[in-house]
C-alpha atoms as a PDB file:
ATOM      1  CA  MET A   1       0.033  -0.013  -0.246  1.00  0.00           C
ATOM      2  CA  LYS A   2       1.075   3.532  -0.970  1.00  0.00           C
ATOM      3  CA  ILE A   3      -0.252   6.683   0.363  1.00  0.00           C
ATOM      4  CA  ASP A   4       0.682  10.113  -1.761  1.00  0.00           C
ATOM      5  CA  VAL A   5       0.087  13.304   0.279  1.00  0.00           C
ATOM      6  CA  ASN A   6      -0.510  16.833  -1.464  1.00  0.00           C
ATOM      7  CA  GLU A   7      -1.136  19.880   0.861  1.00  0.00           C
ATOM      8  CA  SER A   8      -2.750  23.233  -0.295  1.00  0.00           C
ATOM      9  CA  ASP A   9      -3.653  26.134   1.933  1.00  0.00           C
ATOM     10  CA  LYS A  10      -7.151  24.535   2.522  1.00  0.00           C
ATOM     11  CA  ILE A  11      -7.125  21.054   1.882  1.00  0.00           C
ATOM     12  CA  ILE A  12      -5.064  17.871   2.033  1.00  0.00           C
ATOM     13  CA  SER A  13      -5.492  15.231  -0.830  1.00  0.00           C
ATOM     14  CA  LEU A  14      -4.459  11.980  -0.438  1.00  0.00           C
ATOM     15  CA  LYS A  15      -4.217   9.195  -2.715  1.00  0.00           C
ATOM     16  CA  VAL A  16      -4.048   5.519  -1.753  1.00  0.00           C
ATOM     17  CA  SER A  17      -2.918   2.744  -3.779  1.00  0.00           C
ATOM     18  CA  GLY A  18      -2.620  -1.237  -3.205  1.00  0.00           C
ATOM     19  CA  GLU A  19      -4.485  -2.979  -0.761  1.00  0.00           C
ATOM     20  CA  ILE A  20      -5.710  -1.852   2.591  1.00  0.00           C
ATOM     21  CA  GLU A  21      -6.325  -4.703   4.877  1.00  0.00           C
ATOM     22  CA  THR A  22      -4.735  -6.284   8.098  1.00  0.00           C
ATOM     23  CA  SER A  23      -1.310  -6.563   7.106  1.00  0.00           C
ATOM     24  CA  SER A  24      -1.172  -2.728   6.265  1.00  0.00           C
ATOM     25  CA  ILE A  25      -3.524  -1.099   8.373  1.00  0.00           C
ATOM     26  CA  LYS A  26      -1.182  -0.218  11.202  1.00  0.00           C
ATOM     27  CA  THR A  27       0.893   1.987   8.505  1.00  0.00           C
ATOM     28  CA  PHE A  28      -2.399   3.273   7.300  1.00  0.00           C
ATOM     29  CA  LYS A  29      -4.142   4.102  10.448  1.00  0.00           C
ATOM     30  CA  GLU A  30      -0.701   6.011  11.544  1.00  0.00           C
ATOM     31  CA  LYS A  31      -0.500   8.279   8.337  1.00  0.00           C
ATOM     32  CA  LEU A  32      -4.325   9.029   8.409  1.00  0.00           C
ATOM     33  CA  PHE A  33      -4.490   9.863  12.429  1.00  0.00           C
ATOM     34  CA  GLU A  34      -1.208  11.819  11.936  1.00  0.00           C
ATOM     35  CA  ILE A  35      -2.926  14.004   9.428  1.00  0.00           C
ATOM     36  CA  GLY A  36      -6.149  14.009  11.002  1.00  0.00           C
ATOM     37  CA  GLU A  37      -5.174  14.922  14.486  1.00  0.00           C
ATOM     38  CA  LYS A  38      -2.300  17.725  13.274  1.00  0.00           C
ATOM     39  CA  ILE A  39      -3.560  19.422  10.314  1.00  0.00           C
ATOM     40  CA  ASN A  40      -6.615  21.545  10.613  1.00  0.00           C
ATOM     41  CA  LYS A  41      -7.856  21.222   6.998  1.00  0.00           C
ATOM     42  CA  ASP A  42     -10.170  19.585   4.767  1.00  0.00           C
ATOM     43  CA  ILE A  43      -9.351  15.966   3.514  1.00  0.00           C
ATOM     44  CA  GLU A  44      -9.780  14.459   0.298  1.00  0.00           C
ATOM     45  CA  PHE A  45      -9.131  10.831  -0.897  1.00  0.00           C
ATOM     46  CA  ASP A  46      -8.489   9.207  -4.246  1.00  0.00           C
ATOM     47  CA  LEU A  47      -9.175   5.687  -3.614  1.00  0.00           C
ATOM     48  CA  SER A  48      -9.328   4.980  -7.481  1.00  0.00           C
ATOM     49  CA  LEU A  49      -6.278   2.604  -7.166  1.00  0.00           C
ATOM     50  CA  VAL A  50      -7.044   0.834  -4.129  1.00  0.00           C
ATOM     51  CA  ASP A  51      -7.353  -3.433  -5.053  1.00  0.00           C
ATOM     52  CA  TYR A  52      -9.160  -4.058  -1.642  1.00  0.00           C
ATOM     53  CA  ILE A  53     -10.230  -2.948   1.687  1.00  0.00           C
ATOM     54  CA  ASP A  54     -11.777  -5.116   4.587  1.00  0.00           C
ATOM     55  CA  SER A  55     -13.609  -3.901   7.397  1.00  0.00           C
ATOM     56  CA  SER A  56     -10.599  -2.651   9.561  1.00  0.00           C
ATOM     57  CA  GLY A  57      -9.419  -0.436   6.678  1.00  0.00           C
ATOM     58  CA  VAL A  58     -13.249   0.907   6.195  1.00  0.00           C
ATOM     59  CA  GLY A  59     -13.449   1.265  10.153  1.00  0.00           C
ATOM     60  CA  ILE A  60     -10.334   3.696   9.789  1.00  0.00           C
ATOM     61  CA  LEU A  61     -12.187   5.860   7.300  1.00  0.00           C
ATOM     62  CA  ILE A  62     -15.177   6.133   9.327  1.00  0.00           C
ATOM     63  CA  SER A  63     -12.666   7.162  12.345  1.00  0.00           C
ATOM     64  CA  LEU A  64     -11.242   9.749  10.344  1.00  0.00           C
ATOM     65  CA  LEU A  65     -14.648  10.913   9.081  1.00  0.00           C
ATOM     66  CA  LYS A  66     -15.488  11.276  12.460  1.00  0.00           C
ATOM     67  CA  LEU A  67     -12.781  13.328  13.728  1.00  0.00           C
ATOM     68  CA  GLN A  68     -12.929  15.643  10.875  1.00  0.00           C
ATOM     69  CA  LYS A  69     -16.690  16.094  11.619  1.00  0.00           C
ATOM     70  CA  ASN A  70     -15.502  17.075  15.276  1.00  0.00           C
ATOM     71  CA  LYS A  71     -13.357  19.500  13.426  1.00  0.00           C
ATOM     72  CA  ASN A  72     -15.825  21.200  11.432  1.00  0.00           C
ATOM     73  CA  LYS A  73     -13.795  20.172   8.610  1.00  0.00           C
ATOM     74  CA  LYS A  74     -14.816  18.102   5.490  1.00  0.00           C
ATOM     75  CA  PHE A  75     -13.908  14.449   4.540  1.00  0.00           C
ATOM     76  CA  VAL A  76     -14.416  13.805   0.938  1.00  0.00           C
ATOM     77  CA  ILE A  77     -13.798  10.424  -1.227  1.00  0.00           C
ATOM     78  CA  THR A  78     -13.353  11.875  -4.637  1.00  0.00           C
ATOM     79  CA  LYS A  79     -12.670   8.781  -6.658  1.00  0.00           C
ATOM     80  CA  ILE A  80     -13.062   5.040  -5.677  1.00  0.00           C
ATOM     81  CA  SER A  81     -12.204   1.810  -7.023  1.00  0.00           C
ATOM     82  CA  PRO A  82     -15.459  -0.482  -7.913  1.00  0.00           C
ATOM     83  CA  LYS A  83     -14.200  -2.948  -5.661  1.00  0.00           C
ATOM     84  CA  VAL A  84     -13.694  -0.750  -2.764  1.00  0.00           C
ATOM     85  CA  LEU A  85     -17.260   0.895  -3.491  1.00  0.00           C
ATOM     86  CA  ASP A  86     -18.660  -2.418  -3.319  1.00  0.00           C
ATOM     87  CA  VAL A  87     -17.223  -3.165   0.249  1.00  0.00           C
ATOM     88  CA  ILE A  88     -18.613   0.070   1.159  1.00  0.00           C
ATOM     89  CA  LYS A  89     -22.407  -0.446  -0.552  1.00  0.00           C
ATOM     90  CA  LEU A  90     -22.264  -4.058   1.209  1.00  0.00           C
ATOM     91  CA  SER A  91     -21.525  -2.238   4.437  1.00  0.00           C
ATOM     92  CA  SER A  92     -24.420   0.019   4.099  1.00  0.00           C
ATOM     93  CA  LEU A  93     -22.151   3.120   4.057  1.00  0.00           C
ATOM     94  CA  SER A  94     -22.511   4.949   0.566  1.00  0.00           C
ATOM     95  CA  ASP A  95     -24.659   7.489   2.524  1.00  0.00           C
ATOM     96  CA  THR A  96     -22.074   8.334   5.272  1.00  0.00           C
ATOM     97  CA  PHE A  97     -19.372   8.785   2.582  1.00  0.00           C
ATOM     98  CA  ASN A  98     -21.687  10.486   0.385  1.00  0.00           C
ATOM     99  CA  LEU A  99     -21.140   7.828  -2.444  1.00  0.00           C
END
């Protein structure tokens, strides 16, 4: 799994590629919460290159969404791969992420 981070004045853009699952979840969680807790900006996700996400990965996204809401900042998924979208829909979370 790889996370590319681009930061502008008002937003942090994250482009994730690879698989978000148990073996990579620690790195994913640490990176996202480092950004979410230290930076007070909107967060934009590009998940178009994610091949697979498991429930632990979805849980991290939900936690980051809550963190952003508590700061009155946006959390937006701009692009999503069909496989990740299927997992989000099966979890009944497409409304939560506005997909």
